[in-house]
Amino acid sequence: MLSGNIGQGLAPFEVSISGPVDATKTITGFSFQFTNLLAGEYYVTISNSTFQLDTTIVVTSPDLLGISASSGGKGDGCTSADFCDGYIELSVTGGVLDYTYEWSTTENPDSPVLDNLCEGFYGATVTDANGCEVYMTNMPVYLCTENPTDCFESSLVITPNGDNLNDYFLINCVEENTPNTLTIYDRWGRIVYTQNDYDNTWNGLDDNGEELNENSYMWVLRVDFNSGEPRLFKGTVTLLRN
């Protein structure tokens, strides 16, 4: 954006800019503004019936819009099954203030904080004053276990219907314990899905990207700890689609 005020003279004024973008406007007041400009050096001419003023103005671009997120809850950084007391807080950098926030939930506050969350993955889009957007998806809120220090407890049910609630199969601590390999088996013992260094993003698709049928599936997670001794963790998960 390029703007300015004219301190003297009789209106109307003609204001012209030339540079990365060329534009001209006639104003009847004493202030002017050009928007949607590219960064760079502009030659500005202001004139009326009796005088002309020439100057040079450099327009800079804001830093790129960026976003990061933290999540937690009242129970040691996780949400409780009974109260859904988790939250996600966004930190936005760059762009031009003010920011607006749009969350992927029915409760959609224009706020960097979304609270009262159940276990699941959530998304948000942030827009700055220039209309630039940045978004983040798959922000997790984990469910507390009876002993929050217990790792490799998993979701018992997933319902991948796009409502951001239980859409993904979650395993506690898995992303902090790599290398690992997750394998999903159907009821007949056939491998339907595998992922190295599992990142809590399985949503009921097989290795070919096809939707799996509603059913119970067995999962096996192999974790190679720093000690050099691999360990296996096992469980079952029920896939529901309706």
C-alpha atoms as a PDB file:
ATOM      1  CA  MET A   1       0.000   0.000   0.000  1.00  0.00           C
ATOM      2  CA  LEU A   2       1.123   3.566  -0.753  1.00  0.00           C
ATOM      3  CA  SER A   3      -0.620   6.504   0.917  1.00  0.00           C
ATOM      4  CA  GLY A   4       0.010  10.143   1.702  1.00  0.00           C
ATOM      5  CA  ASN A   5      -1.395  13.529   2.641  1.00  0.00           C
ATOM      6  CA  ILE A   6      -1.188  16.778   0.674  1.00  0.00           C
ATOM      7  CA  GLY A   7      -0.419  19.733   2.922  1.00  0.00           C
ATOM      8  CA  GLN A   8      -1.420  22.646   0.719  1.00  0.00           C
ATOM      9  CA  GLY A   9      -2.947  23.678  -2.592  1.00  0.00           C
ATOM     10  CA  LEU A  10      -6.383  23.732  -4.117  1.00  0.00           C
ATOM     11  CA  ALA A  11      -8.246  20.567  -5.013  1.00  0.00           C
ATOM     12  CA  PRO A  12      -8.791  18.676  -7.194  1.00  0.00           C
ATOM     13  CA  PHE A  13      -5.374  16.976  -7.361  1.00  0.00           C
ATOM     14  CA  GLU A  14      -4.096  14.393  -9.778  1.00  0.00           C
ATOM     15  CA  VAL A  15      -1.861  11.762  -8.193  1.00  0.00           C
ATOM     16  CA  SER A  16       0.123   9.428 -10.441  1.00  0.00           C
ATOM     17  CA  ILE A  17       2.482   6.592  -9.542  1.00  0.00           C
ATOM     18  CA  SER A  18       4.833   4.707 -11.834  1.00  0.00           C
ATOM     19  CA  GLY A  19       6.981   1.736 -10.988  1.00  0.00           C
ATOM     20  CA  PRO A  20       6.178  -1.963 -10.637  1.00  0.00           C
ATOM     21  CA  VAL A  21       2.528  -0.857 -10.935  1.00  0.00           C
ATOM     22  CA  ASP A  22       1.305   2.283 -12.753  1.00  0.00           C
ATOM     23  CA  ALA A  23      -1.850   4.084 -11.632  1.00  0.00           C
ATOM     24  CA  THR A  24      -3.475   7.529 -11.632  1.00  0.00           C
ATOM     25  CA  LYS A  25      -6.367   8.934  -9.653  1.00  0.00           C
ATOM     26  CA  THR A  26      -8.032  12.309  -9.166  1.00  0.00           C
ATOM     27  CA  ILE A  27      -8.874  13.280  -5.591  1.00  0.00           C
ATOM     28  CA  THR A  28     -10.988  16.102  -4.222  1.00  0.00           C
ATOM     29  CA  GLY A  29      -9.561  15.895  -0.691  1.00  0.00           C
ATOM     30  CA  PHE A  30      -6.034  15.994   0.699  1.00  0.00           C
ATOM     31  CA  SER A  31      -5.230  12.298   1.221  1.00  0.00           C
ATOM     32  CA  PHE A  32      -4.631   9.491  -1.244  1.00  0.00           C
ATOM     33  CA  GLN A  33      -4.082   5.751  -1.149  1.00  0.00           C
ATOM     34  CA  PHE A  34      -3.083   3.072  -3.657  1.00  0.00           C
ATOM     35  CA  THR A  35      -3.544  -0.569  -2.719  1.00  0.00           C
ATOM     36  CA  ASN A  36      -2.680  -3.976  -4.213  1.00  0.00           C
ATOM     37  CA  LEU A  37       0.793  -2.809  -5.185  1.00  0.00           C
ATOM     38  CA  LEU A  38       3.924  -4.810  -5.792  1.00  0.00           C
ATOM     39  CA  ALA A  39       6.978  -4.065  -3.698  1.00  0.00           C
ATOM     40  CA  GLY A  40       9.517  -1.693  -5.241  1.00  0.00           C
ATOM     41  CA  GLU A  41      10.370   1.940  -5.910  1.00  0.00           C
ATOM     42  CA  TYR A  42       7.611   4.248  -7.142  1.00  0.00           C
ATOM     43  CA  TYR A  43       7.882   7.685  -8.783  1.00  0.00           C
ATOM     44  CA  VAL A  44       4.994   9.810  -7.451  1.00  0.00           C
ATOM     45  CA  THR A  45       3.636  12.950  -9.120  1.00  0.00           C
ATOM     46  CA  ILE A  46       1.086  15.209  -7.401  1.00  0.00           C
ATOM     47  CA  SER A  47      -0.331  18.140  -9.346  1.00  0.00           C
ATOM     48  CA  ASN A  48      -3.197  20.606  -9.571  1.00  0.00           C
ATOM     49  CA  SER A  49      -3.872  23.614 -11.772  1.00  0.00           C
ATOM     50  CA  THR A  50      -0.988  25.645 -10.307  1.00  0.00           C
ATOM     51  CA  PHE A  51       1.828  23.328  -9.162  1.00  0.00           C
ATOM     52  CA  GLN A  52       3.452  19.917  -9.490  1.00  0.00           C
ATOM     53  CA  LEU A  53       5.357  17.902  -6.870  1.00  0.00           C
ATOM     54  CA  ASP A  54       7.542  14.901  -7.701  1.00  0.00           C
ATOM     55  CA  THR A  55       8.917  12.416  -5.183  1.00  0.00           C
ATOM     56  CA  THR A  56      10.070   8.829  -4.829  1.00  0.00           C
ATOM     57  CA  ILE A  57       8.612   6.310  -2.362  1.00  0.00           C
ATOM     58  CA  VAL A  58       9.761   2.753  -1.684  1.00  0.00           C
ATOM     59  CA  VAL A  59       7.007   0.208  -0.994  1.00  0.00           C
ATOM     60  CA  THR A  60       8.111  -2.860   0.945  1.00  0.00           C
ATOM     61  CA  SER A  61       6.293  -6.179   1.241  1.00  0.00           C
ATOM     62  CA  PRO A  62       5.350  -7.695   4.621  1.00  0.00           C
ATOM     63  CA  ASP A  63       6.961 -10.883   5.836  1.00  0.00           C
ATOM     64  CA  LEU A  64       5.339 -14.082   4.667  1.00  0.00           C
ATOM     65  CA  LEU A  65       2.315 -15.100   6.680  1.00  0.00           C
ATOM     66  CA  GLY A  66       3.184 -18.019   8.962  1.00  0.00           C
ATOM     67  CA  ILE A  67       1.351 -20.103  11.509  1.00  0.00           C
ATOM     68  CA  SER A  68       2.234 -22.505  14.307  1.00  0.00           C
ATOM     69  CA  ALA A  69       0.056 -24.240  16.859  1.00  0.00           C
ATOM     70  CA  SER A  70       0.176 -25.676  20.349  1.00  0.00           C
ATOM     71  CA  SER A  71      -2.460 -27.908  21.878  1.00  0.00           C
ATOM     72  CA  GLY A  72      -3.251 -29.284  25.284  1.00  0.00           C
ATOM     73  CA  GLY A  73      -5.893 -29.534  27.952  1.00  0.00           C
ATOM     74  CA  LYS A  74      -6.527 -29.314  31.657  1.00  0.00           C
ATOM     75  CA  GLY A  75      -5.296 -32.868  32.179  1.00  0.00           C
ATOM     76  CA  ASP A  76      -1.508 -32.767  31.666  1.00  0.00           C
ATOM     77  CA  GLY A  77      -1.801 -31.371  28.163  1.00  0.00           C
ATOM     78  CA  CYS A  78      -4.548 -33.716  26.982  1.00  0.00           C
ATOM     79  CA  THR A  79      -8.346 -33.710  26.872  1.00  0.00           C
ATOM     80  CA  SER A  80     -10.478 -35.790  29.193  1.00  0.00           C
ATOM     81  CA  ALA A  81     -13.084 -38.151  27.775  1.00  0.00           C
ATOM     82  CA  ASP A  82     -15.778 -36.890  30.158  1.00  0.00           C
ATOM     83  CA  PHE A  83     -15.424 -33.124  29.721  1.00  0.00           C
ATOM     84  CA  CYS A  84     -13.751 -32.435  26.329  1.00  0.00           C
ATOM     85  CA  ASP A  85     -11.522 -29.760  27.857  1.00  0.00           C
ATOM     86  CA  GLY A  86      -8.751 -29.671  25.256  1.00  0.00           C
ATOM     87  CA  TYR A  87      -7.653 -26.591  23.362  1.00  0.00           C
ATOM     88  CA  ILE A  88      -5.557 -25.415  20.410  1.00  0.00           C
ATOM     89  CA  GLU A  89      -3.786 -22.042  20.363  1.00  0.00           C
ATOM     90  CA  LEU A  90      -2.410 -20.509  17.161  1.00  0.00           C
ATOM     91  CA  SER A  91       0.607 -18.232  16.850  1.00  0.00           C
ATOM     92  CA  VAL A  92       0.663 -16.136  13.663  1.00  0.00           C
ATOM     93  CA  THR A  93       3.610 -14.193  12.249  1.00  0.00           C
ATOM     94  CA  GLY A  94       4.086 -11.948   9.230  1.00  0.00           C
ATOM     95  CA  GLY A  95       1.400 -10.521   6.993  1.00  0.00           C
ATOM     96  CA  VAL A  96      -0.538  -7.391   7.901  1.00  0.00           C
ATOM     97  CA  LEU A  97      -2.675  -6.953  11.006  1.00  0.00           C
ATOM     98  CA  ASP A  98      -5.481  -7.588  11.796  1.00  0.00           C
ATOM     99  CA  TYR A  99      -5.885 -11.344  11.418  1.00  0.00           C
ATOM    100  CA  THR A 100      -9.159 -13.244  11.128  1.00  0.00           C
ATOM    101  CA  TYR A 101      -9.519 -16.915  12.111  1.00  0.00           C
ATOM    102  CA  GLU A 102     -11.733 -19.626  10.640  1.00  0.00           C
ATOM    103  CA  TRP A 103     -11.801 -23.021  12.349  1.00  0.00           C
ATOM    104  CA  SER A 104     -12.947 -26.352  10.930  1.00  0.00           C
ATOM    105  CA  THR A 105     -15.604 -26.822  13.610  1.00  0.00           C
ATOM    106  CA  THR A 106     -19.233 -25.860  14.046  1.00  0.00           C
ATOM    107  CA  GLU A 107     -18.079 -23.654  16.918  1.00  0.00           C
ATOM    108  CA  ASN A 108     -16.026 -21.203  14.868  1.00  0.00           C
ATOM    109  CA  PRO A 109     -14.775 -18.263  16.956  1.00  0.00           C
ATOM    110  CA  ASP A 110     -12.763 -15.484  15.298  1.00  0.00           C
ATOM    111  CA  SER A 111      -9.996 -16.115  17.796  1.00  0.00           C
ATOM    112  CA  PRO A 112      -6.529 -17.688  17.866  1.00  0.00           C
ATOM    113  CA  VAL A 113      -7.739 -20.046  20.620  1.00  0.00           C
ATOM    114  CA  LEU A 114     -10.264 -22.863  20.166  1.00  0.00           C
ATOM    115  CA  ASP A 115     -11.228 -24.589  23.398  1.00  0.00           C
ATOM    116  CA  ASN A 116     -13.633 -27.169  24.822  1.00  0.00           C
ATOM    117  CA  LEU A 117     -12.247 -29.727  22.366  1.00  0.00           C
ATOM    118  CA  CYS A 118     -12.659 -33.491  22.368  1.00  0.00           C
ATOM    119  CA  GLU A 119     -10.002 -35.879  21.094  1.00  0.00           C
ATOM    120  CA  GLY A 120      -9.368 -35.483  17.383  1.00  0.00           C
ATOM    121  CA  PHE A 121      -7.685 -33.481  14.655  1.00  0.00           C
ATOM    122  CA  TYR A 122      -8.613 -29.895  13.802  1.00  0.00           C
ATOM    123  CA  GLY A 123      -7.845 -27.303  11.140  1.00  0.00           C
ATOM    124  CA  ALA A 124      -7.816 -23.517  10.831  1.00  0.00           C
ATOM    125  CA  THR A 125      -7.368 -20.822   8.185  1.00  0.00           C
ATOM    126  CA  VAL A 126      -5.884 -17.416   9.059  1.00  0.00           C
ATOM    127  CA  THR A 127      -6.411 -14.384   6.812  1.00  0.00           C
ATOM    128  CA  ASP A 128      -4.561 -11.076   7.156  1.00  0.00           C
ATOM    129  CA  ALA A 129      -5.729  -7.546   6.295  1.00  0.00           C
ATOM    130  CA  ASN A 130      -4.433  -7.932   2.731  1.00  0.00           C
ATOM    131  CA  GLY A 131      -6.489 -11.064   2.138  1.00  0.00           C
ATOM    132  CA  CYS A 132      -3.482 -13.408   2.267  1.00  0.00           C
ATOM    133  CA  GLU A 133      -4.278 -16.819   3.757  1.00  0.00           C
ATOM    134  CA  VAL A 134      -2.381 -19.535   5.556  1.00  0.00           C
ATOM    135  CA  TYR A 135      -3.892 -22.736   6.890  1.00  0.00           C
ATOM    136  CA  MET A 136      -2.960 -25.668   9.084  1.00  0.00           C
ATOM    137  CA  THR A 137      -4.637 -29.063   9.229  1.00  0.00           C
ATOM    138  CA  ASN A 138      -4.274 -32.202  11.346  1.00  0.00           C
ATOM    139  CA  MET A 139      -3.677 -30.300  14.589  1.00  0.00           C
ATOM    140  CA  PRO A 140      -4.106 -33.001  17.254  1.00  0.00           C
ATOM    141  CA  VAL A 141      -5.810 -32.979  20.626  1.00  0.00           C
ATOM    142  CA  TYR A 142      -4.975 -36.206  22.435  1.00  0.00           C
ATOM    143  CA  LEU A 143      -7.103 -38.117  24.901  1.00  0.00           C
ATOM    144  CA  CYS A 144      -5.737 -38.510  28.419  1.00  0.00           C
ATOM    145  CA  THR A 145      -5.116 -42.032  29.615  1.00  0.00           C
ATOM    146  CA  GLU A 146      -5.533 -43.080  33.235  1.00  0.00           C
ATOM    147  CA  ASN A 147      -1.785 -42.720  33.551  1.00  0.00           C
ATOM    148  CA  PRO A 148      -0.698 -39.902  31.228  1.00  0.00           C
ATOM    149  CA  THR A 149       2.861 -41.246  31.151  1.00  0.00           C
ATOM    150  CA  ASP A 150       1.711 -44.475  29.467  1.00  0.00           C
ATOM    151  CA  CYS A 151       2.668 -44.465  25.805  1.00  0.00           C
ATOM    152  CA  PHE A 152       1.355 -46.400  22.824  1.00  0.00           C
ATOM    153  CA  GLU A 153      -2.284 -46.375  23.934  1.00  0.00           C
ATOM    154  CA  SER A 154      -4.475 -45.982  20.852  1.00  0.00           C
ATOM    155  CA  SER A 155      -7.871 -44.839  19.688  1.00  0.00           C
ATOM    156  CA  LEU A 156     -10.438 -47.595  20.063  1.00  0.00           C
ATOM    157  CA  VAL A 157     -12.785 -46.250  17.372  1.00  0.00           C
ATOM    158  CA  ILE A 158     -12.292 -43.997  14.337  1.00  0.00           C
ATOM    159  CA  THR A 159     -15.084 -42.392  12.310  1.00  0.00           C
ATOM    160  CA  PRO A 160     -13.451 -40.818   9.242  1.00  0.00           C
ATOM    161  CA  ASN A 161     -16.379 -38.740   8.010  1.00  0.00           C
ATOM    162  CA  GLY A 162     -14.637 -35.357   7.713  1.00  0.00           C
ATOM    163  CA  ASP A 163     -16.041 -33.739  10.854  1.00  0.00           C
ATOM    164  CA  ASN A 164     -12.564 -33.537  12.460  1.00  0.00           C
ATOM    165  CA  LEU A 165     -13.712 -35.705  15.375  1.00  0.00           C
ATOM    166  CA  ASN A 166     -12.070 -39.138  15.582  1.00  0.00           C
ATOM    167  CA  ASP A 167     -11.193 -38.956  11.892  1.00  0.00           C
ATOM    168  CA  TYR A 168      -7.698 -40.349  12.502  1.00  0.00           C
ATOM    169  CA  PHE A 169      -6.197 -43.307  14.346  1.00  0.00           C
ATOM    170  CA  LEU A 170      -4.114 -41.900  17.201  1.00  0.00           C
ATOM    171  CA  ILE A 171      -1.362 -43.609  19.178  1.00  0.00           C
ATOM    172  CA  ASN A 172       0.076 -41.764  22.174  1.00  0.00           C
ATOM    173  CA  CYS A 173       3.785 -40.866  21.972  1.00  0.00           C
ATOM    174  CA  VAL A 174       4.245 -42.413  18.538  1.00  0.00           C
ATOM    175  CA  GLU A 175       5.628 -39.295  16.872  1.00  0.00           C
ATOM    176  CA  GLU A 176       8.291 -38.905  19.583  1.00  0.00           C
ATOM    177  CA  ASN A 177       9.433 -42.526  19.238  1.00  0.00           C
ATOM    178  CA  THR A 178      10.988 -43.184  15.861  1.00  0.00           C
ATOM    179  CA  PRO A 179      11.901 -45.144  13.888  1.00  0.00           C
ATOM    180  CA  ASN A 180       8.706 -47.159  13.998  1.00  0.00           C
ATOM    181  CA  THR A 181       6.436 -49.071  11.642  1.00  0.00           C
ATOM    182  CA  LEU A 182       2.649 -49.379  11.877  1.00  0.00           C
ATOM    183  CA  THR A 183       0.889 -52.321  10.244  1.00  0.00           C
ATOM    184  CA  ILE A 184      -2.907 -52.710  10.060  1.00  0.00           C
ATOM    185  CA  TYR A 185      -4.457 -56.159   9.541  1.00  0.00           C
ATOM    186  CA  ASP A 186      -8.017 -57.097   8.624  1.00  0.00           C
ATOM    187  CA  ARG A 187      -9.950 -59.820  10.450  1.00  0.00           C
ATOM    188  CA  TRP A 188      -8.447 -62.484   8.183  1.00  0.00           C
ATOM    189  CA  GLY A 189      -4.891 -61.439   8.993  1.00  0.00           C
ATOM    190  CA  ARG A 190      -4.202 -59.730   5.692  1.00  0.00           C
ATOM    191  CA  ILE A 191      -2.098 -56.555   5.712  1.00  0.00           C
ATOM    192  CA  VAL A 192      -4.232 -53.640   4.501  1.00  0.00           C
ATOM    193  CA  TYR A 193      -2.065 -50.667   5.515  1.00  0.00           C
ATOM    194  CA  THR A 194       1.529 -49.940   6.507  1.00  0.00           C
ATOM    195  CA  GLN A 195       3.401 -46.741   7.331  1.00  0.00           C
ATOM    196  CA  ASN A 196       6.957 -46.140   8.437  1.00  0.00           C
ATOM    197  CA  ASP A 197       7.395 -43.524  11.187  1.00  0.00           C
ATOM    198  CA  TYR A 198       3.671 -43.360  11.806  1.00  0.00           C
ATOM    199  CA  ASP A 199       2.396 -39.774  12.226  1.00  0.00           C
ATOM    200  CA  ASN A 200      -1.188 -40.336  13.476  1.00  0.00           C
ATOM    201  CA  THR A 201      -2.801 -39.791  10.069  1.00  0.00           C
ATOM    202  CA  TRP A 202      -4.400 -43.148   9.196  1.00  0.00           C
ATOM    203  CA  ASN A 203      -8.060 -42.516   8.363  1.00  0.00           C
ATOM    204  CA  GLY A 204      -9.378 -45.870   7.225  1.00  0.00           C
ATOM    205  CA  LEU A 205      -7.793 -46.124   3.766  1.00  0.00           C
ATOM    206  CA  ASP A 206      -5.785 -49.075   2.535  1.00  0.00           C
ATOM    207  CA  ASP A 207      -2.345 -48.904   0.931  1.00  0.00           C
ATOM    208  CA  ASN A 208      -3.992 -48.157  -2.430  1.00  0.00           C
ATOM    209  CA  GLY A 209      -5.953 -45.210  -1.062  1.00  0.00           C
ATOM    210  CA  GLU A 210      -9.271 -47.104  -1.142  1.00  0.00           C
ATOM    211  CA  GLU A 211     -11.786 -46.898   1.702  1.00  0.00           C
ATOM    212  CA  LEU A 212     -11.816 -49.947   3.955  1.00  0.00           C
ATOM    213  CA  ASN A 213     -15.128 -51.446   5.068  1.00  0.00           C
ATOM    214  CA  GLU A 214     -16.547 -50.912   8.513  1.00  0.00           C
ATOM    215  CA  ASN A 215     -15.039 -53.559  10.753  1.00  0.00           C
ATOM    216  CA  SER A 216     -12.560 -54.213  13.510  1.00  0.00           C
ATOM    217  CA  TYR A 217      -8.888 -54.157  12.560  1.00  0.00           C
ATOM    218  CA  MET A 218      -5.759 -55.219  14.393  1.00  0.00           C
ATOM    219  CA  TRP A 219      -2.768 -52.909  14.559  1.00  0.00           C
ATOM    220  CA  VAL A 220       0.848 -53.722  15.336  1.00  0.00           C
ATOM    221  CA  LEU A 221       3.419 -51.030  16.005  1.00  0.00           C
ATOM    222  CA  ARG A 222       7.115 -51.899  15.967  1.00  0.00           C
ATOM    223  CA  VAL A 223       9.269 -49.284  17.701  1.00  0.00           C
ATOM    224  CA  ASP A 224      13.065 -49.380  17.426  1.00  0.00           C
ATOM    225  CA  PHE A 225      14.257 -47.720  20.610  1.00  0.00           C
ATOM    226  CA  ASN A 226      17.712 -46.215  21.037  1.00  0.00           C
ATOM    227  CA  SER A 227      18.759 -49.269  23.007  1.00  0.00           C
ATOM    228  CA  GLY A 228      18.659 -51.202  19.758  1.00  0.00           C
ATOM    229  CA  GLU A 229      15.930 -53.522  20.995  1.00  0.00           C
ATOM    230  CA  PRO A 230      12.687 -53.315  19.004  1.00  0.00           C
ATOM    231  CA  ARG A 231       9.384 -53.661  20.842  1.00  0.00           C
ATOM    232  CA  LEU A 232       5.943 -54.538  19.516  1.00  0.00           C
ATOM    233  CA  PHE A 233       2.726 -52.873  20.665  1.00  0.00           C
ATOM    234  CA  LYS A 234      -0.632 -54.298  19.608  1.00  0.00           C
ATOM    235  CA  GLY A 235      -4.301 -53.495  19.764  1.00  0.00           C
ATOM    236  CA  THR A 236      -7.569 -53.329  17.861  1.00  0.00           C
ATOM    237  CA  VAL A 237      -9.478 -50.411  16.384  1.00  0.00           C
ATOM    238  CA  THR A 238     -13.043 -50.329  15.095  1.00  0.00           C
ATOM    239  CA  LEU A 239     -13.694 -48.453  11.856  1.00  0.00           C
ATOM    240  CA  LEU A 240     -17.155 -46.848  11.554  1.00  0.00           C
ATOM    241  CA  ARG A 241     -18.305 -44.675   8.664  1.00  0.00           C
ATOM    242  CA  ASN A 242     -21.916 -43.726   9.503  1.00  0.00           C
END
